[in-house]
Amino acid sequence: MIDTTNAKWDFSKEEEYVIKWFNDNGFNGKVIKQYVSKTIFEIEKDNIVDKFELPQGIVFHNISSYMKQFQKNWDMICELNKLRQLKRGHKK
């Protein structure tokens, strides 16, 4: 679940969509900071922690495409993490 207690003001439709998307897709984390220009989240899934920045100005009908791109990026981060662990294991 995404902890929203650090929110400064009400969420936009886009922020609400992203929070629901993270929750529906098994992410944990929190809102770190809301700025006029962006909202910063700290997210975690499968022992991988990262930051996610949602810029303001993404039109609501494009937010699902934005999150699909994020999912591809997250999958790449997970794959790189696995490869790093494999490489460390071979050094021993």
Protein backbone atom coordinates (compact mmCIF):
# COMPACT_ATOMS: atom_id res chain seq x y z
CA MET A 1 0.00 0.00 0.00
CA ILE A 2 1.06 3.56 -0.64
CA ASP A 3 1.18 5.75 2.48
CA THR A 4 -0.31 9.14 1.65
CA THR A 5 0.05 10.83 5.05
CA ASN A 6 2.75 13.22 3.73
CA ALA A 7 0.37 14.78 1.19
CA LYS A 8 0.25 18.57 1.35
CA TRP A 9 -3.03 18.94 -0.53
CA ASP A 10 -5.75 16.91 -2.24
CA PHE A 11 -4.58 14.58 -4.97
CA SER A 12 -5.19 15.25 -8.64
CA LYS A 13 -6.95 12.59 -10.72
CA GLU A 14 -3.54 11.60 -12.07
CA GLU A 15 -2.05 11.18 -8.59
CA GLU A 16 -5.07 9.14 -7.51
CA TYR A 17 -4.67 6.94 -10.59
CA VAL A 18 -0.97 6.35 -9.87
CA ILE A 19 -1.60 5.53 -6.20
CA LYS A 20 -4.33 3.06 -7.17
CA TRP A 21 -2.07 1.60 -9.89
CA PHE A 22 0.76 1.05 -7.39
CA ASN A 23 -1.62 -0.54 -4.88
CA ASP A 24 -3.25 -2.76 -7.53
CA ASN A 25 0.16 -3.90 -8.80
CA GLY A 26 1.60 -4.91 -5.43
CA PHE A 27 3.84 -1.93 -4.68
CA ASN A 28 4.43 -0.51 -1.22
CA GLY A 29 5.73 2.94 -0.51
CA LYS A 30 4.84 6.46 0.34
CA VAL A 31 4.38 9.96 -0.97
CA ILE A 32 7.62 11.75 -0.13
CA LYS A 33 6.76 15.23 -1.30
CA GLN A 34 4.19 17.10 -3.36
CA TYR A 35 5.43 20.04 -5.38
CA VAL A 36 3.51 22.24 -7.78
CA SER A 37 5.50 20.68 -10.63
CA LYS A 38 5.62 17.04 -9.50
CA THR A 39 4.87 14.46 -6.83
CA ILE A 40 7.66 12.20 -5.59
CA PHE A 41 7.00 8.68 -4.35
CA GLU A 42 9.30 6.13 -2.78
CA ILE A 43 8.21 2.71 -3.96
CA GLU A 44 9.19 -0.86 -3.14
CA LYS A 45 8.37 -4.25 -4.56
CA ASP A 46 10.23 -7.56 -4.32
CA ASN A 47 12.93 -5.98 -2.12
CA ILE A 48 13.76 -3.35 -4.76
CA VAL A 49 13.36 0.27 -3.70
CA ASP A 50 13.23 3.21 -6.10
CA LYS A 51 11.83 6.70 -6.47
CA PHE A 52 9.04 7.59 -8.85
CA GLU A 53 8.37 11.16 -9.95
CA LEU A 54 4.99 12.04 -11.41
CA PRO A 55 5.26 15.33 -13.26
CA GLN A 56 2.23 17.60 -13.25
CA GLY A 57 0.75 18.27 -16.65
CA ILE A 58 0.24 14.69 -17.79
CA VAL A 59 -3.24 14.64 -19.25
CA PHE A 60 -5.48 12.12 -17.49
CA HIS A 61 -6.25 10.14 -20.66
CA ASN A 62 -2.46 9.60 -21.11
CA ILE A 63 -1.72 8.44 -17.56
CA SER A 64 -2.32 4.75 -18.33
CA SER A 65 0.26 4.92 -21.14
CA TYR A 66 2.66 6.65 -18.76
CA MET A 67 2.27 3.83 -16.24
CA LYS A 68 2.74 1.18 -18.95
CA GLN A 69 6.07 2.80 -19.74
CA PHE A 70 6.89 2.86 -16.02
CA GLN A 71 6.11 -0.89 -15.82
CA LYS A 72 8.57 -1.58 -18.65
CA ASN A 73 11.19 0.49 -16.84
CA TRP A 74 10.50 -1.31 -13.55
CA ASP A 75 10.81 -4.70 -15.28
CA MET A 76 14.22 -3.61 -16.61
CA ILE A 77 15.32 -2.48 -13.12
CA CYS A 78 14.29 -5.89 -11.73
CA GLU A 79 16.15 -7.74 -14.50
CA LEU A 80 19.31 -5.68 -13.92
CA ASN A 81 19.06 -6.36 -10.20
CA LYS A 82 18.82 -10.13 -10.86
CA LEU A 83 21.83 -10.00 -13.19
CA ARG A 84 23.87 -8.11 -10.60
CA GLN A 85 23.02 -10.72 -7.99
CA LEU A 86 24.03 -13.51 -10.37
CA LYS A 87 27.32 -11.77 -11.11
CA ARG A 88 28.04 -11.37 -7.38
CA GLY A 89 27.28 -15.04 -6.87
CA HIS A 90 29.81 -16.08 -9.52
CA LYS A 91 32.58 -14.00 -7.93
CA LYS A 92 32.46 -16.01 -4.71
